[in-house]
């Protein structure tokens, strides 16, 4: 498999010079993904909905490249408020509980826009 770029179609990807995911061989590297609903370009107010949107976007990008959520081997979570950690962890447990990738949760001073409460990036490796 050669290198392949995956896009959500967001105009920000081209403007900022990045891809939603880069597939290279048996690996998929999914960029930091925030909680936008790309169909409406809206951001929900709560972290639970934002996290679910993140995982939906991640799943779609992986699927476009022939990967599955079960191929995720690494996840990094960035949140802007430590008080949101439990809500995020609950969503992560729903989505990744049986997959259990190596993961890191960081509380950061802020994300690109103030309404962004969470950003998630993952790495996947095709299972052989």
C-alpha atoms as a PDB file:
ATOM      1  CA  UNK A   1       0.000   0.000   0.000  1.00  0.00           C
ATOM      2  CA  UNK A   2       1.424   3.365  -0.969  1.00  0.00           C
ATOM      3  CA  UNK A   3       1.018   6.614   0.919  1.00  0.00           C
ATOM      4  CA  UNK A   4      -2.527   7.989   0.709  1.00  0.00           C
ATOM      5  CA  UNK A   5      -4.139  11.147   2.083  1.00  0.00           C
ATOM      6  CA  UNK A   6      -7.664  11.126   3.547  1.00  0.00           C
ATOM      7  CA  UNK A   7      -9.740  14.305   3.807  1.00  0.00           C
ATOM      8  CA  UNK A   8     -13.047  15.135   5.493  1.00  0.00           C
ATOM      9  CA  UNK A   9     -13.620  17.806   2.878  1.00  0.00           C
ATOM     10  CA  UNK A  10     -13.183  20.573   5.426  1.00  0.00           C
ATOM     11  CA  UNK A  11     -11.777  23.708   3.763  1.00  0.00           C
ATOM     12  CA  UNK A  12      -9.539  24.126   6.816  1.00  0.00           C
ATOM     13  CA  UNK A  13      -7.497  21.068   5.817  1.00  0.00           C
ATOM     14  CA  UNK A  14      -6.287  22.658   2.584  1.00  0.00           C
ATOM     15  CA  UNK A  15      -5.882  26.107   4.149  1.00  0.00           C
ATOM     16  CA  UNK A  16      -3.788  24.708   7.017  1.00  0.00           C
ATOM     17  CA  UNK A  17      -1.938  22.176   4.878  1.00  0.00           C
ATOM     18  CA  UNK A  18      -2.871  18.924   6.590  1.00  0.00           C
ATOM     19  CA  UNK A  19      -4.845  15.733   6.012  1.00  0.00           C
ATOM     20  CA  UNK A  20      -7.398  14.149   8.309  1.00  0.00           C
ATOM     21  CA  UNK A  21      -5.397  10.966   7.975  1.00  0.00           C
ATOM     22  CA  UNK A  22      -2.273   9.736   6.265  1.00  0.00           C
ATOM     23  CA  UNK A  23      -2.126   6.074   5.340  1.00  0.00           C
ATOM     24  CA  UNK A  24       1.337   4.621   4.935  1.00  0.00           C
ATOM     25  CA  UNK A  25       1.681   0.891   4.516  1.00  0.00           C
ATOM     26  CA  UNK A  26      -0.086  -0.881   7.328  1.00  0.00           C
ATOM     27  CA  UNK A  27      -0.379   2.297   9.417  1.00  0.00           C
ATOM     28  CA  UNK A  28      -2.971   5.062   9.553  1.00  0.00           C
ATOM     29  CA  UNK A  29      -2.105   8.288  11.324  1.00  0.00           C
ATOM     30  CA  UNK A  30      -5.234  10.299  12.106  1.00  0.00           C
ATOM     31  CA  UNK A  31      -4.709  13.995  12.815  1.00  0.00           C
ATOM     32  CA  UNK A  32      -6.023  15.686  15.917  1.00  0.00           C
ATOM     33  CA  UNK A  33      -9.788  15.667  15.476  1.00  0.00           C
ATOM     34  CA  UNK A  34     -12.154  18.065  17.193  1.00  0.00           C
ATOM     35  CA  UNK A  35     -15.881  17.701  17.752  1.00  0.00           C
ATOM     36  CA  UNK A  36     -17.238  19.421  14.653  1.00  0.00           C
ATOM     37  CA  UNK A  37     -20.198  17.906  12.897  1.00  0.00           C
ATOM     38  CA  UNK A  38     -18.769  18.213   9.385  1.00  0.00           C
ATOM     39  CA  UNK A  39     -22.208  17.849   7.776  1.00  0.00           C
ATOM     40  CA  UNK A  40     -23.374  21.089   9.420  1.00  0.00           C
ATOM     41  CA  UNK A  41     -20.000  22.617  10.427  1.00  0.00           C
ATOM     42  CA  UNK A  42     -21.375  23.111  13.932  1.00  0.00           C
ATOM     43  CA  UNK A  43     -19.795  22.352  17.291  1.00  0.00           C
ATOM     44  CA  UNK A  44     -21.920  20.928  20.119  1.00  0.00           C
ATOM     45  CA  UNK A  45     -21.564  22.682  23.464  1.00  0.00           C
ATOM     46  CA  UNK A  46     -20.859  19.614  25.624  1.00  0.00           C
ATOM     47  CA  UNK A  47     -17.772  17.415  25.704  1.00  0.00           C
ATOM     48  CA  UNK A  48     -19.740  14.163  25.436  1.00  0.00           C
ATOM     49  CA  UNK A  49     -21.221  15.161  22.068  1.00  0.00           C
ATOM     50  CA  UNK A  50     -17.922  16.613  20.911  1.00  0.00           C
ATOM     51  CA  UNK A  51     -16.091  13.372  21.787  1.00  0.00           C
ATOM     52  CA  UNK A  52     -18.693  11.280  19.953  1.00  0.00           C
ATOM     53  CA  UNK A  53     -18.281  13.526  16.897  1.00  0.00           C
ATOM     54  CA  UNK A  54     -14.494  13.117  17.138  1.00  0.00           C
ATOM     55  CA  UNK A  55     -14.808   9.351  17.104  1.00  0.00           C
ATOM     56  CA  UNK A  56     -17.326   9.458  14.258  1.00  0.00           C
ATOM     57  CA  UNK A  57     -14.924  11.496  12.132  1.00  0.00           C
ATOM     58  CA  UNK A  58     -12.025   9.226  13.081  1.00  0.00           C
ATOM     59  CA  UNK A  59     -14.024   6.103  12.248  1.00  0.00           C
ATOM     60  CA  UNK A  60     -15.043   7.504   8.841  1.00  0.00           C
ATOM     61  CA  UNK A  61     -11.431   8.447   7.993  1.00  0.00           C
ATOM     62  CA  UNK A  62     -10.180   5.016   9.009  1.00  0.00           C
ATOM     63  CA  UNK A  63     -12.928   3.250   7.060  1.00  0.00           C
ATOM     64  CA  UNK A  64     -12.162   5.260   3.932  1.00  0.00           C
ATOM     65  CA  UNK A  65      -8.638   3.891   4.128  1.00  0.00           C
ATOM     66  CA  UNK A  66      -9.696   0.300   4.755  1.00  0.00           C
ATOM     67  CA  UNK A  67      -9.044   0.383   8.497  1.00  0.00           C
ATOM     68  CA  UNK A  68     -11.407  -0.340  11.387  1.00  0.00           C
ATOM     69  CA  UNK A  69     -11.657   1.125  14.858  1.00  0.00           C
ATOM     70  CA  UNK A  70     -10.312  -2.212  16.124  1.00  0.00           C
ATOM     71  CA  UNK A  71      -7.044  -1.377  14.344  1.00  0.00           C
ATOM     72  CA  UNK A  72      -6.383   1.587  16.681  1.00  0.00           C
ATOM     73  CA  UNK A  73      -3.196   1.018  18.671  1.00  0.00           C
ATOM     74  CA  UNK A  74      -2.589   4.504  20.105  1.00  0.00           C
ATOM     75  CA  UNK A  75      -4.838   7.396  21.155  1.00  0.00           C
ATOM     76  CA  UNK A  76      -4.049  10.819  22.569  1.00  0.00           C
ATOM     77  CA  UNK A  77      -6.741  12.999  24.135  1.00  0.00           C
ATOM     78  CA  UNK A  78      -6.417  16.724  24.732  1.00  0.00           C
ATOM     79  CA  UNK A  79      -9.002  18.457  26.926  1.00  0.00           C
ATOM     80  CA  UNK A  80      -9.175  22.072  28.036  1.00  0.00           C
ATOM     81  CA  UNK A  81     -10.840  21.467  31.410  1.00  0.00           C
ATOM     82  CA  UNK A  82      -9.904  18.694  33.842  1.00  0.00           C
ATOM     83  CA  UNK A  83     -13.511  18.682  35.063  1.00  0.00           C
ATOM     84  CA  UNK A  84     -14.479  17.192  31.659  1.00  0.00           C
ATOM     85  CA  UNK A  85     -12.187  14.177  32.049  1.00  0.00           C
ATOM     86  CA  UNK A  86     -14.796  11.794  33.488  1.00  0.00           C
ATOM     87  CA  UNK A  87     -17.298  12.546  30.696  1.00  0.00           C
ATOM     88  CA  UNK A  88     -14.585  12.000  28.070  1.00  0.00           C
ATOM     89  CA  UNK A  89     -13.414   8.796  29.735  1.00  0.00           C
ATOM     90  CA  UNK A  90     -16.979   7.457  29.642  1.00  0.00           C
ATOM     91  CA  UNK A  91     -17.200   8.002  25.873  1.00  0.00           C
ATOM     92  CA  UNK A  92     -13.730   6.499  25.373  1.00  0.00           C
ATOM     93  CA  UNK A  93     -14.844   3.449  27.331  1.00  0.00           C
ATOM     94  CA  UNK A  94     -17.935   3.064  25.139  1.00  0.00           C
ATOM     95  CA  UNK A  95     -15.969   3.358  21.913  1.00  0.00           C
ATOM     96  CA  UNK A  96     -12.605   1.794  22.767  1.00  0.00           C
ATOM     97  CA  UNK A  97     -13.326  -0.356  25.832  1.00  0.00           C
ATOM     98  CA  UNK A  98     -12.772  -3.645  24.028  1.00  0.00           C
ATOM     99  CA  UNK A  99      -9.932  -2.287  21.849  1.00  0.00           C
ATOM    100  CA  UNK A 100      -7.882  -0.760  24.676  1.00  0.00           C
ATOM    101  CA  UNK A 101      -5.186   1.127  22.733  1.00  0.00           C
ATOM    102  CA  UNK A 102      -2.223   2.672  24.498  1.00  0.00           C
ATOM    103  CA  UNK A 103      -3.431   6.162  25.332  1.00  0.00           C
ATOM    104  CA  UNK A 104      -2.609   9.463  26.969  1.00  0.00           C
ATOM    105  CA  UNK A 105      -4.926  12.161  28.347  1.00  0.00           C
ATOM    106  CA  UNK A 106      -3.574  15.695  28.564  1.00  0.00           C
ATOM    107  CA  UNK A 107      -5.177  18.815  30.019  1.00  0.00           C
ATOM    108  CA  UNK A 108      -4.071  21.769  27.910  1.00  0.00           C
ATOM    109  CA  UNK A 109      -4.463  25.527  28.243  1.00  0.00           C
ATOM    110  CA  UNK A 110      -6.602  25.713  25.138  1.00  0.00           C
ATOM    111  CA  UNK A 111      -7.326  24.495  21.648  1.00  0.00           C
ATOM    112  CA  UNK A 112      -7.549  26.441  18.390  1.00  0.00           C
ATOM    113  CA  UNK A 113     -11.032  27.829  19.106  1.00  0.00           C
ATOM    114  CA  UNK A 114     -12.523  28.413  22.561  1.00  0.00           C
ATOM    115  CA  UNK A 115     -15.596  26.244  21.879  1.00  0.00           C
ATOM    116  CA  UNK A 116     -13.345  23.213  21.328  1.00  0.00           C
ATOM    117  CA  UNK A 117     -13.317  21.116  24.495  1.00  0.00           C
ATOM    118  CA  UNK A 118     -11.540  18.013  23.191  1.00  0.00           C
ATOM    119  CA  UNK A 119      -9.186  16.925  20.434  1.00  0.00           C
ATOM    120  CA  UNK A 120      -8.396  13.275  19.747  1.00  0.00           C
ATOM    121  CA  UNK A 121      -5.663  11.787  17.567  1.00  0.00           C
ATOM    122  CA  UNK A 122      -5.088   8.108  16.878  1.00  0.00           C
ATOM    123  CA  UNK A 123      -2.703   5.755  15.169  1.00  0.00           C
ATOM    124  CA  UNK A 124      -3.969   2.503  13.699  1.00  0.00           C
ATOM    125  CA  UNK A 125      -2.157  -0.547  12.372  1.00  0.00           C
ATOM    126  CA  UNK A 126      -3.814  -3.126  10.164  1.00  0.00           C
ATOM    127  CA  UNK A 127      -4.124  -6.400  11.987  1.00  0.00           C
ATOM    128  CA  UNK A 128      -2.392  -9.304  10.298  1.00  0.00           C
END
